[in-house]
N, C-alpha and C. Protein backbone atom coordinates (compact mmCIF):
# COMPACT_ATOMS: atom_id res chain seq x y z
N MET A 1 -3.87 14.39 13.06
CA MET A 1 -2.87 13.04 13.93
C MET A 1 -2.16 12.38 13.02
N TYR A 2 -1.63 11.52 13.62
CA TYR A 2 -1.28 10.37 12.99
C TYR A 2 -1.59 8.95 13.14
N LYS A 3 -1.80 8.01 13.41
CA LYS A 3 -2.50 7.19 13.38
C LYS A 3 -1.11 5.66 13.71
N THR A 4 -0.26 6.27 12.92
CA THR A 4 1.19 5.45 14.03
C THR A 4 2.32 5.95 13.85
N LYS A 5 3.17 5.34 14.95
CA LYS A 5 4.80 6.07 14.76
C LYS A 5 5.98 6.34 12.89
N LEU A 6 5.39 5.43 12.73
CA LEU A 6 5.88 5.15 10.86
C LEU A 6 4.83 6.15 10.05
N GLN A 7 3.85 6.52 10.55
CA GLN A 7 3.25 7.25 9.45
C GLN A 7 3.80 8.83 9.94
N TYR A 8 4.12 9.20 11.33
CA TYR A 8 4.70 10.03 11.67
C TYR A 8 6.37 10.64 11.14
N ILE A 9 6.49 9.45 11.34
CA ILE A 9 8.30 9.41 10.65
C ILE A 9 8.79 9.50 9.13
N LEU A 10 7.82 8.79 8.60
CA LEU A 10 7.37 8.89 7.19
C LEU A 10 7.05 10.31 6.91
N LYS A 11 6.39 10.72 7.64
CA LYS A 11 5.60 12.07 7.01
C LYS A 11 7.16 13.12 7.42
N THR A 12 7.38 13.04 8.75
CA THR A 12 8.05 14.26 8.97
C THR A 12 9.88 14.56 8.32
N GLU A 13 9.65 13.10 8.04
CA GLU A 13 11.40 12.80 6.98
C GLU A 13 10.87 13.46 5.75
N GLY A 14 10.12 12.85 5.35
CA GLY A 14 9.44 13.61 3.68
C GLY A 14 9.84 12.17 2.91
N ARG A 15 9.92 11.38 3.79
CA ARG A 15 9.31 9.97 2.83
C ARG A 15 8.53 9.43 2.74
N SER A 16 8.08 8.48 1.47
CA SER A 16 6.82 7.91 1.16
C SER A 16 7.05 6.21 1.60
N GLN A 17 5.84 6.24 0.84
CA GLN A 17 5.38 4.84 1.23
C GLN A 17 5.78 4.29 0.38
N THR A 18 5.92 4.65 -1.01
CA THR A 18 6.82 3.69 -1.69
C THR A 18 8.27 3.27 -2.18
N TRP A 19 8.81 5.09 -1.04
CA TRP A 19 10.53 4.34 -0.89
C TRP A 19 10.64 3.83 0.41
N LEU A 20 9.43 3.12 1.15
CA LEU A 20 10.24 2.46 2.01
C LEU A 20 9.70 0.99 1.74
N ALA A 21 9.11 0.68 1.03
CA ALA A 21 8.58 0.09 0.33
C ALA A 21 9.87 -0.81 -0.75
N LYS A 22 10.12 0.45 -1.61
CA LYS A 22 11.70 0.14 -2.49
C LYS A 22 12.66 -0.21 -1.38
N ARG A 23 12.96 0.01 -0.25
CA ARG A 23 14.04 -0.74 0.97
C ARG A 23 14.13 -1.04 0.80
N THR A 24 12.92 -1.53 1.81
CA THR A 24 12.35 -3.09 2.61
C THR A 24 11.81 -4.04 1.11
N GLU A 25 11.42 -3.34 -0.25
CA GLU A 25 11.75 -5.09 -0.84
C GLU A 25 10.24 -5.65 -0.46
N LYS A 26 9.18 -4.62 0.41
CA LYS A 26 7.41 -5.54 0.68
C LYS A 26 7.11 -4.44 -0.34
N SER A 27 5.45 -4.78 -0.46
CA SER A 27 5.10 -4.42 -1.57
C SER A 27 4.23 -3.15 -0.74
N VAL A 28 4.04 -1.83 -1.69
CA VAL A 28 3.11 -0.95 -0.97
C VAL A 28 2.29 -0.88 -0.38
N GLY A 29 1.41 -1.92 -1.00
CA GLY A 29 0.07 -2.45 0.05
C GLY A 29 0.49 -3.45 1.32
N GLN A 30 1.42 -3.85 1.44
CA GLN A 30 2.30 -4.40 2.79
C GLN A 30 2.38 -3.49 3.82
N ILE A 31 3.48 -1.84 3.28
CA ILE A 31 3.86 -1.21 3.92
C ILE A 31 2.63 -0.18 4.46
N ASN A 32 1.38 -0.13 3.56
CA ASN A 32 0.53 0.74 3.71
C ASN A 32 -0.80 0.44 5.12
N GLN A 33 -0.22 -0.73 5.13
CA GLN A 33 -1.58 -1.54 6.28
C GLN A 33 -0.97 -1.78 7.31
N TYR A 34 0.95 -1.21 7.31
CA TYR A 34 1.60 -1.32 8.65
C TYR A 34 1.55 0.68 9.29
N VAL A 35 1.68 1.24 7.96
CA VAL A 35 1.34 3.19 8.01
C VAL A 35 0.53 3.30 9.17
N LEU A 36 -0.69 2.81 8.43
CA LEU A 36 -2.56 2.76 9.05
C LEU A 36 -3.05 1.97 10.51
N GLY A 37 -1.87 1.12 10.87
CA GLY A 37 -2.17 0.29 12.21
C GLY A 37 -3.20 -0.77 11.60
N GLU A 38 -2.99 -1.02 10.37
CA GLU A 38 -3.96 -2.14 10.23
C GLU A 38 -3.52 -3.54 10.62
N VAL A 39 -2.52 -3.13 10.18
CA VAL A 39 -1.32 -4.95 10.33
C VAL A 39 -0.36 -4.91 10.92
N GLU A 40 -0.10 -4.96 11.86
CA GLU A 40 1.07 -5.29 12.64
C GLU A 40 2.65 -6.36 11.83
N PRO A 41 3.52 -5.59 11.60
CA PRO A 41 5.11 -6.46 11.26
C PRO A 41 5.38 -7.07 11.87
N GLY A 42 5.65 -8.31 11.44
CA GLY A 42 6.46 -9.27 12.14
C GLY A 42 7.70 -8.41 12.45
N MET A 43 8.38 -9.33 14.05
CA MET A 43 9.65 -8.89 14.13
C MET A 43 10.69 -8.72 13.36
N LYS A 44 10.91 -9.59 11.89
CA LYS A 44 11.28 -9.44 10.81
C LYS A 44 11.48 -8.39 10.21
N ASN A 45 10.00 -7.98 9.94
CA ASN A 45 10.30 -6.79 8.88
C ASN A 45 9.74 -5.43 9.80
N MET A 46 9.49 -5.71 11.13
CA MET A 46 9.77 -4.47 11.96
C MET A 46 11.51 -4.09 11.89
N VAL A 47 12.25 -5.45 11.95
CA VAL A 47 13.89 -4.59 11.63
C VAL A 47 14.16 -4.15 10.85
N LEU A 48 13.47 -5.38 9.11
CA LEU A 48 13.94 -4.04 7.99
C LEU A 48 13.53 -2.50 7.88
N ILE A 49 12.00 -2.36 8.21
CA ILE A 49 12.15 -0.72 8.65
C ILE A 49 12.53 0.21 9.13
N ALA A 50 12.91 -0.16 10.55
CA ALA A 50 13.61 0.15 11.34
C ALA A 50 14.70 0.54 10.45
N GLN A 51 15.53 -0.17 9.86
CA GLN A 51 17.22 -0.32 9.58
C GLN A 51 16.94 0.32 8.27
N ALA A 52 15.41 0.92 7.32
CA ALA A 52 15.15 1.28 6.55
C ALA A 52 15.33 2.25 6.69
N LEU A 53 14.57 2.99 8.38
CA LEU A 53 14.75 4.57 8.40
C LEU A 53 15.34 4.50 9.71
N ASP A 54 16.86 3.94 9.74
CA ASP A 54 17.48 4.06 10.01
C ASP A 54 17.78 4.44 12.09
N ARG A 55 16.94 3.83 12.28
CA ARG A 55 16.38 3.93 13.54
C ARG A 55 16.08 3.04 14.32
N SER A 56 16.02 2.67 15.68
CA SER A 56 15.65 1.10 15.93
C SER A 56 13.66 0.80 15.75
N VAL A 57 14.21 -0.34 15.95
CA VAL A 57 12.85 -1.16 16.12
C VAL A 57 12.05 -0.44 16.97
N GLU A 58 12.38 -0.28 18.25
CA GLU A 58 12.04 0.24 20.06
C GLU A 58 11.11 1.44 19.50
N ASP A 59 12.55 2.70 18.19
CA ASP A 59 12.44 3.89 18.05
C ASP A 59 10.71 4.17 17.16
N VAL A 60 10.71 3.02 16.71
CA VAL A 60 9.54 3.04 15.83
C VAL A 60 8.38 2.61 15.82
N PHE A 61 8.61 1.46 16.85
CA PHE A 61 7.07 0.44 16.81
C PHE A 61 7.12 0.53 18.67
N PHE A 62 7.39 0.63 19.17
CA PHE A 62 7.59 0.54 21.04
C PHE A 62 7.70 1.77 21.11
N ASP A 63 7.52 3.43 21.05
CA ASP A 63 7.74 4.05 21.61
C ASP A 63 6.08 4.89 22.63
N SER A 64 6.31 4.38 24.43
CA SER A 64 5.18 5.06 24.37
C SER A 64 4.91 6.04 24.99
N ASP A 65 5.58 6.77 24.30
CA ASP A 65 5.37 8.57 23.96
C ASP A 65 4.82 8.72 23.73
N PHE A 66 5.09 8.15 22.12
CA PHE A 66 4.33 8.48 21.24
C PHE A 66 3.04 8.06 20.72
N ALA A 67 2.96 6.57 21.43
CA ALA A 67 1.48 6.62 22.15
C ALA A 67 -0.16 6.95 23.74
N ASN A 68 1.19 8.03 24.32
CA ASN A 68 0.55 8.33 25.38
C ASN A 68 0.36 9.80 25.14
N CYS A 69 0.68 10.29 23.95
CA CYS A 69 0.30 11.74 23.28
C CYS A 69 -1.06 11.29 22.67
N GLY A 70 -1.32 10.14 22.02
CA GLY A 70 -2.84 10.89 21.84
C GLY A 70 -2.98 9.94 20.56
N ASN A 71 -2.21 9.15 20.12
CA ASN A 71 -2.33 8.90 19.15
C ASN A 71 -1.94 7.35 19.18
N LYS A 72 -2.79 6.69 18.55
CA LYS A 72 -2.87 5.17 18.42
C LYS A 72 -1.46 4.46 18.04
N ASN A 73 -0.75 3.09 18.57
CA ASN A 73 0.16 3.06 18.48
C ASN A 73 -0.03 1.64 17.84
N THR A 74 0.55 1.37 16.55
CA THR A 74 0.07 -0.15 16.20
C THR A 74 0.83 -1.60 17.02
N HIS A 75 1.81 -1.27 17.34
CA HIS A 75 1.59 -2.48 18.75
C HIS A 75 0.94 -3.18 19.52
N SER A 76 -0.48 -2.02 20.03
CA SER A 76 -1.43 -2.64 20.59
C SER A 76 -3.22 -2.76 19.76
N GLY A 77 -2.11 -2.71 18.31
CA GLY A 77 -3.75 -2.78 17.22
C GLY A 77 -4.10 -3.82 16.02
N GLY A 78 -3.21 -3.60 15.05
CA GLY A 78 -3.39 -5.13 14.45
C GLY A 78 -3.25 -6.10 14.99
N LYS A 79 -3.49 -6.71 13.47
CA LYS A 79 -3.24 -8.14 13.56
C LYS A 79 -1.37 -8.50 12.72
N GLN A 80 -0.82 -9.77 13.77
CA GLN A 80 0.38 -9.64 13.33
C GLN A 80 0.78 -10.41 11.99
N THR A 81 1.32 -9.87 11.54
CA THR A 81 2.10 -11.17 10.15
C THR A 81 3.54 -10.52 10.00
N ALA A 82 4.51 -11.71 9.47
CA ALA A 82 5.15 -11.64 9.20
C ALA A 82 6.09 -11.24 8.34
């Protein structure tokens, strides 16, 4: 089971956290916290991540269908950062 939709997207698209960190100019540690749902990215970082993945912010972070499938959604979980 995936902890976040971001984790699911990276896995199914064959992308790594390192790839996403480079594309967003964020640290791998910061991306890892987002992927694991430990920290919720602020809106600016949500936009950067969504753009890097060529998806909408809503699709990556606010997909209720993903959360309702027994997966933990980051939006209701971790602390928020800029």
